[in-house]
PDB file of N, CA and C in Angstrom:
ATOM      1  N   MET A   1      -6.022   9.710-136.751  1.00  0.00           N
ATOM      2  CA  MET A   1      -5.300   9.793-138.487  1.00  0.00           C
ATOM      3  C   MET A   1      -3.897   8.867-138.177  1.00  0.00           C
ATOM      4  N   ASN A   2      -3.975   7.506-139.485  1.00  0.00           N
ATOM      5  CA  ASN A   2      -2.714   6.579-139.934  1.00  0.00           C
ATOM      6  C   ASN A   2      -1.835   6.778-139.734  1.00  0.00           C
ATOM      7  N   GLU A   3      -0.939   6.342-138.891  1.00  0.00           N
ATOM      8  CA  GLU A   3       0.743   6.845-139.938  1.00  0.00           C
ATOM      9  C   GLU A   3       0.720   6.450-140.914  1.00  0.00           C
ATOM     10  N   GLU A   4       0.123   5.603-141.664  1.00  0.00           N
ATOM     11  CA  GLU A   4       0.091   5.468-143.194  1.00  0.00           C
ATOM     12  C   GLU A   4      -0.300   6.332-144.129  1.00  0.00           C
ATOM     13  N   GLN A   5      -1.254   7.272-143.915  1.00  0.00           N
ATOM     14  CA  GLN A   5      -1.692   8.263-144.610  1.00  0.00           C
ATOM     15  C   GLN A   5      -0.890   9.564-144.578  1.00  0.00           C
ATOM     16  N   ILE A   6      -1.118  10.171-146.099  1.00  0.00           N
ATOM     17  CA  ILE A   6      -0.101  11.171-145.859  1.00  0.00           C
ATOM     18  C   ILE A   6      -0.697  12.291-146.271  1.00  0.00           C
ATOM     19  N   ARG A   7      -0.399  12.941-145.233  1.00  0.00           N
ATOM     20  CA  ARG A   7      -1.272  14.339-145.242  1.00  0.00           C
ATOM     21  C   ARG A   7      -0.975  15.769-146.457  1.00  0.00           C
ATOM     22  N   ILE A   8      -2.311  15.846-146.862  1.00  0.00           N
ATOM     23  CA  ILE A   8      -1.720  16.787-148.334  1.00  0.00           C
ATOM     24  C   ILE A   8      -2.599  18.036-148.010  1.00  0.00           C
ATOM     25  N   SER A   9      -1.669  18.968-148.258  1.00  0.00           N
ATOM     26  CA  SER A   9      -1.902  20.541-147.955  1.00  0.00           C
ATOM     27  C   SER A   9      -2.112  21.100-149.290  1.00  0.00           C
ATOM     28  N   PRO A  10      -2.588  21.798-149.386  1.00  0.00           N
ATOM     29  CA  PRO A  10      -2.974  22.161-150.979  1.00  0.00           C
ATOM     30  C   PRO A  10      -2.021  23.840-150.874  1.00  0.00           C
ATOM     31  N   VAL A  11      -1.240  24.169-151.967  1.00  0.00           N
ATOM     32  CA  VAL A  11      -0.089  24.970-152.596  1.00  0.00           C
ATOM     33  C   VAL A  11      -0.973  26.342-153.513  1.00  0.00           C
ATOM     34  N   ARG A  12      -1.185  26.986-152.956  1.00  0.00           N
ATOM     35  CA  ARG A  12      -1.855  28.236-153.760  1.00  0.00           C
ATOM     36  C   ARG A  12      -0.979  28.715-155.016  1.00  0.00           C
ATOM     37  N   LYS A  13      -1.292  28.796-156.077  1.00  0.00           N
ATOM     38  CA  LYS A  13      -0.403  29.365-157.004  1.00  0.00           C
ATOM     39  C   LYS A  13      -0.171  30.475-157.181  1.00  0.00           C
ATOM     40  N   SER A  14      -0.960  31.438-156.119  1.00  0.00           N
ATOM     41  CA  SER A  14      -0.608  32.786-156.231  1.00  0.00           C
ATOM     42  C   SER A  14       0.181  32.855-155.006  1.00  0.00           C
ATOM     43  N   LEU A  15       0.274  31.767-154.388  1.00  0.00           N
ATOM     44  CA  LEU A  15       2.090  32.235-153.282  1.00  0.00           C
ATOM     45  C   LEU A  15       2.935  32.110-153.745  1.00  0.00           C
ATOM     46  N   THR A  16       3.291  30.858-154.954  1.00  0.00           N
ATOM     47  CA  THR A  16       4.461  30.765-155.884  1.00  0.00           C
ATOM     48  C   THR A  16       5.198  31.034-156.715  1.00  0.00           C
ATOM     49  N   ARG A  17       4.377  31.644-157.674  1.00  0.00           N
ATOM     50  CA  ARG A  17       4.468  32.821-158.828  1.00  0.00           C
ATOM     51  C   ARG A  17       5.222  34.123-158.317  1.00  0.00           C
ATOM     52  N   PRO A  18       5.766  34.487-159.012  1.00  0.00           N
ATOM     53  CA  PRO A  18       6.510  35.991-158.873  1.00  0.00           C
ATOM     54  C   PRO A  18       5.316  37.056-159.477  1.00  0.00           C
ATOM     55  N   GLN A  19       5.244  37.968-158.375  1.00  0.00           N
ATOM     56  CA  GLN A  19       4.807  39.073-158.940  1.00  0.00           C
ATOM     57  C   GLN A  19       5.318  39.732-159.961  1.00  0.00           C
ATOM     58  N   LEU A  20       4.394  40.079-161.132  1.00  0.00           N
ATOM     59  CA  LEU A  20       4.675  40.440-162.169  1.00  0.00           C
ATOM     60  C   LEU A  20       3.959  41.876-162.830  1.00  0.00           C
ATOM     61  N   MET A  21       4.190  42.705-163.655  1.00  0.00           N
ATOM     62  CA  MET A  21       3.725  43.502-164.024  1.00  0.00           C
ATOM     63  C   MET A  21       3.899  43.408-165.546  1.00  0.00           C
ATOM     64  N   PHE A  22       3.093  43.397-166.687  1.00  0.00           N
ATOM     65  CA  PHE A  22       3.826  43.103-168.085  1.00  0.00           C
ATOM     66  C   PHE A  22       4.690  42.229-168.635  1.00  0.00           C
ATOM     67  N   GLY A  23       4.897  41.370-167.322  1.00  0.00           N
ATOM     68  CA  GLY A  23       6.139  40.664-167.746  1.00  0.00           C
ATOM     69  C   GLY A  23       7.021  40.804-166.647  1.00  0.00           C
ATOM     70  N   CYS A  24       7.080  41.911-166.421  1.00  0.00           N
ATOM     71  CA  CYS A  24       8.251  42.790-165.838  1.00  0.00           C
ATOM     72  C   CYS A  24       8.117  42.366-164.425  1.00  0.00           C
ATOM     73  N   ASP A  25       9.695  42.453-163.324  1.00  0.00           N
ATOM     74  CA  ASP A  25       9.280  42.485-162.131  1.00  0.00           C
ATOM     75  C   ASP A  25       8.414  43.864-161.855  1.00  0.00           C
ATOM     76  N   ARG A  26       7.427  43.652-160.783  1.00  0.00           N
ATOM     77  CA  ARG A  26       6.722  44.896-160.194  1.00  0.00           C
ATOM     78  C   ARG A  26       7.720  46.071-160.196  1.00  0.00           C
ATOM     79  N   VAL A  27       8.420  45.921-159.154  1.00  0.00           N
ATOM     80  CA  VAL A  27       9.127  47.242-158.851  1.00  0.00           C
ATOM     81  C   VAL A  27       9.956  47.773-159.789  1.00  0.00           C
ATOM     82  N   LEU A  28      10.979  47.141-160.513  1.00  0.00           N
ATOM     83  CA  LEU A  28      11.471  47.519-161.697  1.00  0.00           C
ATOM     84  C   LEU A  28      10.377  48.153-162.747  1.00  0.00           C
ATOM     85  N   PHE A  29       9.401  47.776-162.735  1.00  0.00           N
ATOM     86  CA  PHE A  29       8.311  47.820-163.940  1.00  0.00           C
ATOM     87  C   PHE A  29       7.921  49.447-163.597  1.00  0.00           C
ATOM     88  N   LEU A  30       7.542  49.703-162.125  1.00  0.00           N
ATOM     89  CA  LEU A  30       6.612  50.789-161.469  1.00  0.00           C
ATOM     90  C   LEU A  30       7.732  51.911-161.113  1.00  0.00           C
ATOM     91  N   LEU A  31       9.217  51.777-161.265  1.00  0.00           N
ATOM     92  CA  LEU A  31      10.232  52.450-161.287  1.00  0.00           C
ATOM     93  C   LEU A  31      10.358  53.023-162.679  1.00  0.00           C
ATOM     94  N   LEU A  32      10.454  52.299-163.667  1.00  0.00           N
ATOM     95  CA  LEU A  32      10.715  52.323-165.292  1.00  0.00           C
ATOM     96  C   LEU A  32       9.462  53.647-165.484  1.00  0.00           C
ATOM     97  N   LEU A  33       8.185  53.177-165.172  1.00  0.00           N
ATOM     98  CA  LEU A  33       7.376  54.194-165.445  1.00  0.00           C
ATOM     99  C   LEU A  33       7.200  55.328-164.403  1.00  0.00           C
ATOM    100  N   ILE A  34       7.481  55.239-163.592  1.00  0.00           N
ATOM    101  CA  ILE A  34       7.677  57.099-162.502  1.00  0.00           C
ATOM    102  C   ILE A  34       9.044  57.823-163.435  1.00  0.00           C
ATOM    103  N   VAL A  35      10.067  57.401-163.907  1.00  0.00           N
ATOM    104  CA  VAL A  35      11.364  57.968-164.689  1.00  0.00           C
ATOM    105  C   VAL A  35      10.499  58.531-165.753  1.00  0.00           C
ATOM    106  N   CYS A  36      10.033  57.266-166.792  1.00  0.00           N
ATOM    107  CA  CYS A  36       9.307  57.780-168.295  1.00  0.00           C
ATOM    108  C   CYS A  36       8.411  58.882-167.794  1.00  0.00           C
ATOM    109  N   MET A  37       7.660  58.511-166.958  1.00  0.00           N
ATOM    110  CA  MET A  37       6.209  59.946-167.013  1.00  0.00           C
ATOM    111  C   MET A  37       7.135  61.098-166.397  1.00  0.00           C
ATOM    112  N   ALA A  38       8.137  61.136-165.329  1.00  0.00           N
ATOM    113  CA  ALA A  38       8.738  62.569-165.499  1.00  0.00           C
ATOM    114  C   ALA A  38       9.726  62.837-166.045  1.00  0.00           C
ATOM    115  N   LEU A  39       9.744  62.008-167.332  1.00  0.00           N
ATOM    116  CA  LEU A  39      10.636  62.810-168.743  1.00  0.00           C
ATOM    117  C   LEU A  39       9.700  63.566-169.558  1.00  0.00           C
ATOM    118  N   GLY A  40       8.039  62.719-169.588  1.00  0.00           N
ATOM    119  CA  GLY A  40       7.654  62.910-170.523  1.00  0.00           C
ATOM    120  C   GLY A  40       6.533  63.713-170.134  1.00  0.00           C
ATOM    121  N   LEU A  41       6.038  63.959-168.997  1.00  0.00           N
ATOM    122  CA  LEU A  41       4.847  64.567-168.648  1.00  0.00           C
ATOM    123  C   LEU A  41       5.893  66.310-168.080  1.00  0.00           C
ATOM    124  N   PRO A  42       6.434  66.949-167.107  1.00  0.00           N
ATOM    125  CA  PRO A  42       6.735  68.090-167.304  1.00  0.00           C
ATOM    126  C   PRO A  42       7.624  68.642-168.101  1.00  0.00           C
ATOM    127  N   GLY A  43       9.088  67.637-168.359  1.00  0.00           N
ATOM    128  CA  GLY A  43       9.896  68.269-169.388  1.00  0.00           C
ATOM    129  C   GLY A  43       9.018  68.055-170.826  1.00  0.00           C
ATOM    130  N   GLY A  44       8.268  67.216-171.059  1.00  0.00           N
ATOM    131  CA  GLY A  44       7.446  67.175-172.130  1.00  0.00           C
ATOM    132  C   GLY A  44       6.586  67.779-172.647  1.00  0.00           C
ATOM    133  N   PHE A  45       5.134  67.441-172.146  1.00  0.00           N
ATOM    134  CA  PHE A  45       4.238  68.300-172.832  1.00  0.00           C
ATOM    135  C   PHE A  45       3.753  69.461-171.923  1.00  0.00           C
ATOM    136  N   ALA A  46       4.619  69.827-170.688  1.00  0.00           N
ATOM    137  CA  ALA A  46       4.198  71.218-170.045  1.00  0.00           C
ATOM    138  C   ALA A  46       4.843  72.124-170.723  1.00  0.00           C
ATOM    139  N   SER A  47       6.339  71.753-171.200  1.00  0.00           N
ATOM    140  CA  SER A  47       7.085  72.285-171.918  1.00  0.00           C
ATOM    141  C   SER A  47       6.772  72.550-173.460  1.00  0.00           C
ATOM    142  N   GLN A  48       6.291  71.812-173.809  1.00  0.00           N
ATOM    143  CA  GLN A  48       5.886  71.783-175.454  1.00  0.00           C
ATOM    144  C   GLN A  48       7.204  71.167-176.038  1.00  0.00           C
ATOM    145  N   ASN A  49       8.009  70.026-175.184  1.00  0.00           N
ATOM    146  CA  ASN A  49       9.002  69.806-175.895  1.00  0.00           C
ATOM    147  C   ASN A  49       8.387  68.377-176.254  1.00  0.00           C
ATOM    148  N   TYR A  50       8.382  67.987-177.140  1.00  0.00           N
ATOM    149  CA  TYR A  50       7.668  66.655-177.986  1.00  0.00           C
ATOM    150  C   TYR A  50       8.715  65.994-178.231  1.00  0.00           C
ATOM    151  N   PHE A  51      10.036  66.081-178.471  1.00  0.00           N
ATOM    152  CA  PHE A  51      11.209  65.016-178.104  1.00  0.00           C
ATOM    153  C   PHE A  51      11.082  64.435-176.845  1.00  0.00           C
ATOM    154  N   ASN A  52      11.210  64.903-175.796  1.00  0.00           N
ATOM    155  CA  ASN A  52      10.769  64.590-174.880  1.00  0.00           C
ATOM    156  C   ASN A  52      10.173  63.622-174.501  1.00  0.00           C
ATOM    157  N   VAL A  53       8.910  63.578-175.077  1.00  0.00           N
ATOM    158  CA  VAL A  53       7.586  62.772-175.186  1.00  0.00           C
ATOM    159  C   VAL A  53       7.809  61.647-176.115  1.00  0.00           C
ATOM    160  N   PHE A  54       8.674  61.841-176.831  1.00  0.00           N
ATOM    161  CA  PHE A  54       8.846  60.621-177.911  1.00  0.00           C
ATOM    162  C   PHE A  54      10.271  59.917-177.243  1.00  0.00           C
ATOM    163  N   LEU A  55      11.068  60.519-176.377  1.00  0.00           N
ATOM    164  CA  LEU A  55      12.397  59.748-175.714  1.00  0.00           C
ATOM    165  C   LEU A  55      11.827  58.883-174.673  1.00  0.00           C
ATOM    166  N   SER A  56      10.544  59.339-173.918  1.00  0.00           N
ATOM    167  CA  SER A  56      10.343  58.933-172.676  1.00  0.00           C
ATOM    168  C   SER A  56       9.483  57.546-173.181  1.00  0.00           C
ATOM    169  N   VAL A  57       8.496  57.772-174.224  1.00  0.00           N
ATOM    170  CA  VAL A  57       7.922  56.367-174.843  1.00  0.00           C
ATOM    171  C   VAL A  57       8.966  55.198-175.355  1.00  0.00           C
ATOM    172  N   VAL A  58       9.880  55.688-176.390  1.00  0.00           N
ATOM    173  CA  VAL A  58      10.992  54.661-176.465  1.00  0.00           C
ATOM    174  C   VAL A  58      11.585  54.153-175.378  1.00  0.00           C
ATOM    175  N   ILE A  59      11.965  54.806-174.375  1.00  0.00           N
ATOM    176  CA  ILE A  59      12.771  54.435-173.202  1.00  0.00           C
ATOM    177  C   ILE A  59      11.762  53.546-172.486  1.00  0.00           C
ATOM    178  N   PHE A  60      10.657  53.965-172.352  1.00  0.00           N
ATOM    179  CA  PHE A  60       9.612  52.985-172.045  1.00  0.00           C
ATOM    180  C   PHE A  60       9.240  51.583-172.487  1.00  0.00           C
ATOM    181  N   PHE A  61       9.409  51.637-174.031  1.00  0.00           N
ATOM    182  CA  PHE A  61       9.112  50.022-174.414  1.00  0.00           C
ATOM    183  C   PHE A  61      10.584  49.611-174.854  1.00  0.00           C
ATOM    184  N   VAL A  62      11.298  50.032-174.648  1.00  0.00           N
ATOM    185  CA  VAL A  62      12.809  49.206-174.727  1.00  0.00           C
ATOM    186  C   VAL A  62      12.869  48.827-173.471  1.00  0.00           C
ATOM    187  N   GLY A  63      12.594  49.851-172.221  1.00  0.00           N
ATOM    188  CA  GLY A  63      12.668  48.949-171.187  1.00  0.00           C
ATOM    189  C   GLY A  63      12.060  48.267-170.706  1.00  0.00           C
ATOM    190  N   THR A  64      10.511  48.082-170.914  1.00  0.00           N
ATOM    191  CA  THR A  64       9.943  46.669-170.939  1.00  0.00           C
ATOM    192  C   THR A  64      10.699  45.643-171.281  1.00  0.00           C
ATOM    193  N   HIS A  65      11.045  45.988-172.813  1.00  0.00           N
ATOM    194  CA  HIS A  65      11.283  44.380-173.360  1.00  0.00           C
ATOM    195  C   HIS A  65      12.508  44.064-172.629  1.00  0.00           C
ATOM    196  N   VAL A  66      13.762  44.700-171.995  1.00  0.00           N
ATOM    197  CA  VAL A  66      14.957  44.282-171.267  1.00  0.00           C
ATOM    198  C   VAL A  66      14.307  44.015-170.223  1.00  0.00           C
ATOM    199  N   LEU A  67      13.271  44.275-169.548  1.00  0.00           N
ATOM    200  CA  LEU A  67      12.944  43.748-168.115  1.00  0.00           C
ATOM    201  C   LEU A  67      12.319  42.512-168.451  1.00  0.00           C
ATOM    202  N   ARG A  68      11.420  42.551-169.846  1.00  0.00           N
ATOM    203  CA  ARG A  68      10.851  40.874-169.701  1.00  0.00           C
ATOM    204  C   ARG A  68      11.806  40.265-169.935  1.00  0.00           C
ATOM    205  N   ASN A  69      12.526  40.555-170.656  1.00  0.00           N
ATOM    206  CA  ASN A  69      13.955  39.252-171.006  1.00  0.00           C
ATOM    207  C   ASN A  69      14.732  39.045-169.904  1.00  0.00           C
ATOM    208  N   ILE A  70      14.853  39.523-168.834  1.00  0.00           N
ATOM    209  CA  ILE A  70      15.588  39.546-167.523  1.00  0.00           C
ATOM    210  C   ILE A  70      14.407  38.503-166.832  1.00  0.00           C
ATOM    211  N   THR A  71      13.707  38.903-166.709  1.00  0.00           N
ATOM    212  CA  THR A  71      12.538  38.306-166.000  1.00  0.00           C
ATOM    213  C   THR A  71      12.416  36.715-166.689  1.00  0.00           C
ATOM    214  N   LYS A  72      12.198  36.868-167.931  1.00  0.00           N
ATOM    215  CA  LYS A  72      12.167  35.073-168.481  1.00  0.00           C
ATOM    216  C   LYS A  72      13.444  34.744-167.818  1.00  0.00           C
ATOM    217  N   PHE A  73      14.601  35.339-168.088  1.00  0.00           N
ATOM    218  CA  PHE A  73      15.878  34.634-167.290  1.00  0.00           C
ATOM    219  C   PHE A  73      15.831  34.177-166.083  1.00  0.00           C
ATOM    220  N   ASP A  74      15.500  34.811-165.313  1.00  0.00           N
ATOM    221  CA  ASP A  74      15.498  34.352-163.850  1.00  0.00           C
ATOM    222  C   ASP A  74      14.428  35.628-163.280  1.00  0.00           C
ATOM    223  N   SER A  75      13.233  35.016-162.646  1.00  0.00           N
ATOM    224  CA  SER A  75      12.301  35.701-162.032  1.00  0.00           C
ATOM    225  C   SER A  75      12.889  36.573-161.098  1.00  0.00           C
ATOM    226  N   LYS A  76      13.336  35.536-160.179  1.00  0.00           N
ATOM    227  CA  LYS A  76      14.381  36.056-158.910  1.00  0.00           C
ATOM    228  C   LYS A  76      15.415  36.913-158.908  1.00  0.00           C
ATOM    229  N   ALA A  77      15.493  37.353-160.208  1.00  0.00           N
ATOM    230  CA  ALA A  77      17.198  38.283-160.304  1.00  0.00           C
ATOM    231  C   ALA A  77      17.265  39.577-159.366  1.00  0.00           C
ATOM    232  N   PHE A  78      15.866  40.428-159.312  1.00  0.00           N
ATOM    233  CA  PHE A  78      16.133  41.727-158.586  1.00  0.00           C
ATOM    234  C   PHE A  78      16.117  41.236-157.170  1.00  0.00           C
ATOM    235  N   PRO A  79      15.169  40.607-156.540  1.00  0.00           N
ATOM    236  CA  PRO A  79      15.358  40.157-155.256  1.00  0.00           C
ATOM    237  C   PRO A  79      16.487  39.873-154.846  1.00  0.00           C
ATOM    238  N   ILE A  80      17.476  39.114-155.585  1.00  0.00           N
ATOM    239  CA  ILE A  80      18.485  38.481-154.903  1.00  0.00           C
ATOM    240  C   ILE A  80      19.885  39.776-155.055  1.00  0.00           C
ATOM    241  N   PHE A  81      19.492  40.708-156.238  1.00  0.00           N
ATOM    242  CA  PHE A  81      20.548  41.912-156.339  1.00  0.00           C
ATOM    243  C   PHE A  81      20.289  42.593-155.479  1.00  0.00           C
ATOM    244  N   GLN A  82      19.036  42.952-154.580  1.00  0.00           N
ATOM    245  CA  GLN A  82      18.357  44.006-153.428  1.00  0.00           C
ATOM    246  C   GLN A  82      19.266  43.374-152.320  1.00  0.00           C
ATOM    247  N   ARG A  83      19.457  41.862-152.112  1.00  0.00           N
ATOM    248  CA  ARG A  83      19.571  41.054-150.425  1.00  0.00           C
ATOM    249  C   ARG A  83      21.204  41.612-150.828  1.00  0.00           C
ATOM    250  N   SER A  84      21.729  41.193-151.850  1.00  0.00           N
ATOM    251  CA  SER A  84      23.416  41.345-152.305  1.00  0.00           C
ATOM    252  C   SER A  84      23.783  42.336-151.646  1.00  0.00           C
ATOM    253  N   VAL A  85      22.973  43.377-152.242  1.00  0.00           N
ATOM    254  CA  VAL A  85      23.786  45.264-151.592  1.00  0.00           C
ATOM    255  C   VAL A  85      23.911  45.104-150.068  1.00  0.00           C
ATOM    256  N   LYS A  86      22.823  44.587-149.489  1.00  0.00           N
ATOM    257  CA  LYS A  86      23.300  44.792-147.865  1.00  0.00           C
ATOM    258  C   LYS A  86      24.609  44.083-147.529  1.00  0.00           C
ATOM    259  N   TYR A  87      25.292  43.151-148.187  1.00  0.00           N
ATOM    260  CA  TYR A  87      26.477  42.105-147.882  1.00  0.00           C
ATOM    261  C   TYR A  87      27.496  43.220-147.964  1.00  0.00           C
ATOM    262  N   SER A  88      28.607  43.011-147.358  1.00  0.00           N
ATOM    263  CA  SER A  88      29.724  43.283-146.752  1.00  0.00           C
ATOM    264  C   SER A  88      30.957  43.071-148.322  1.00  0.00           C
ATOM    265  N   ASP A  89      32.090  43.950-148.895  1.00  0.00           N
ATOM    266  CA  ASP A  89      32.550  43.481-149.566  1.00  0.00           C
ATOM    267  C   ASP A  89      33.429  42.361-148.830  1.00  0.00           C
ATOM    268  N   SER A  90      34.051  42.330-147.888  1.00  0.00           N
ATOM    269  CA  SER A  90      34.576  41.501-146.906  1.00  0.00           C
ATOM    270  C   SER A  90      34.545  41.639-145.786  1.00  0.00           C
ATOM    271  N   TYR A  91      34.788  40.343-145.151  1.00  0.00           N
ATOM    272  CA  TYR A  91      34.409  40.579-143.889  1.00  0.00           C
ATOM    273  C   TYR A  91      36.062  40.265-143.211  1.00  0.00           C
ATOM    274  N   GLU A  92      36.174  40.512-142.033  1.00  0.00           N
ATOM    275  CA  GLU A  92      37.586  40.097-140.934  1.00  0.00           C
ATOM    276  C   GLU A  92      37.029  39.064-140.606  1.00  0.00           C
ATOM    277  N   ALA A  93      38.265  37.915-140.355  1.00  0.00           N
ATOM    278  CA  ALA A  93      38.486  36.681-139.833  1.00  0.00           C
ATOM    279  C   ALA A  93      38.183  37.028-138.361  1.00  0.00           C
ATOM    280  N   VAL A  94      38.512  37.847-137.406  1.00  0.00           N
ATOM    281  CA  VAL A  94      38.031  38.071-136.165  1.00  0.00           C
ATOM    282  C   VAL A  94      37.834  39.604-136.180  1.00  0.00           C
ATOM    283  N   PRO A  95      36.477  39.820-135.324  1.00  0.00           N
ATOM    284  CA  PRO A  95      36.334  41.294-135.363  1.00  0.00           C
ATOM    285  C   PRO A  95      37.269  41.946-134.210  1.00  0.00           C
ATOM    286  N   PRO A  96      37.631  42.725-134.245  1.00  0.00           N
ATOM    287  CA  PRO A  96      38.580  44.154-133.757  1.00  0.00           C
ATOM    288  C   PRO A  96      38.603  43.622-132.003  1.00  0.00           C
ATOM    289  N   ALA A  97      37.055  43.831-131.705  1.00  0.00           N
ATOM    290  CA  ALA A  97      36.466  44.264-130.302  1.00  0.00           C
ATOM    291  C   ALA A  97      36.985  42.502-129.841  1.00  0.00           C
ATOM    292  N   THR A  98      36.592  41.219-130.400  1.00  0.00           N
ATOM    293  CA  THR A  98      36.329  39.894-130.229  1.00  0.00           C
ATOM    294  C   THR A  98      37.918  39.813-129.753  1.00  0.00           C
ATOM    295  N   TYR A  99      39.148  40.042-130.982  1.00  0.00           N
ATOM    296  CA  TYR A  99      40.350  39.907-130.988  1.00  0.00           C
ATOM    297  C   TYR A  99      40.792  40.612-129.624  1.00  0.00           C
ATOM    298  N   LYS A 100      40.699  41.660-129.539  1.00  0.00           N
ATOM    299  CA  LYS A 100      41.451  42.341-128.008  1.00  0.00           C
ATOM    300  C   LYS A 100      40.930  41.412-126.934  1.00  0.00           C
ATOM    301  N   ASP A 101      39.565  41.096-126.618  1.00  0.00           N
ATOM    302  CA  ASP A 101      39.304  40.370-125.507  1.00  0.00           C
ATOM    303  C   ASP A 101      40.053  38.990-125.147  1.00  0.00           C
ATOM    304  N   ASN A 102      40.322  38.243-126.528  1.00  0.00           N
ATOM    305  CA  ASN A 102      40.504  37.076-126.168  1.00  0.00           C
ATOM    306  C   ASN A 102      42.221  37.181-125.844  1.00  0.00           C
ATOM    307  N   TYR A 103      42.866  38.135-126.102  1.00  0.00           N
ATOM    308  CA  TYR A 103      44.127  37.896-125.795  1.00  0.00           C
ATOM    309  C   TYR A 103      44.951  39.227-125.294  1.00  0.00           C
TER     310      TYR A 103
END
């Protein structure tokens, strides 16, 4: 291969697109679905409390609308939030063990 030739590698769209369900982040959508099912099935149909069924349907549609708007704004918002939870609120300039060893 000549040095003047440029190597071209294919980039698959499936590797660069965010993984969405119904236009929402996949993890958040499944969490919303589980919460709505937990509210609607045992607390609604099983106990014949149809207000809970109606409430779970309303929460589902409003929640998917909110999650779609968040995903349209920034599709990487939830993974960034997950990563930021791991960080500490503050970091000391010098860890205590290192400070004692140096002085």
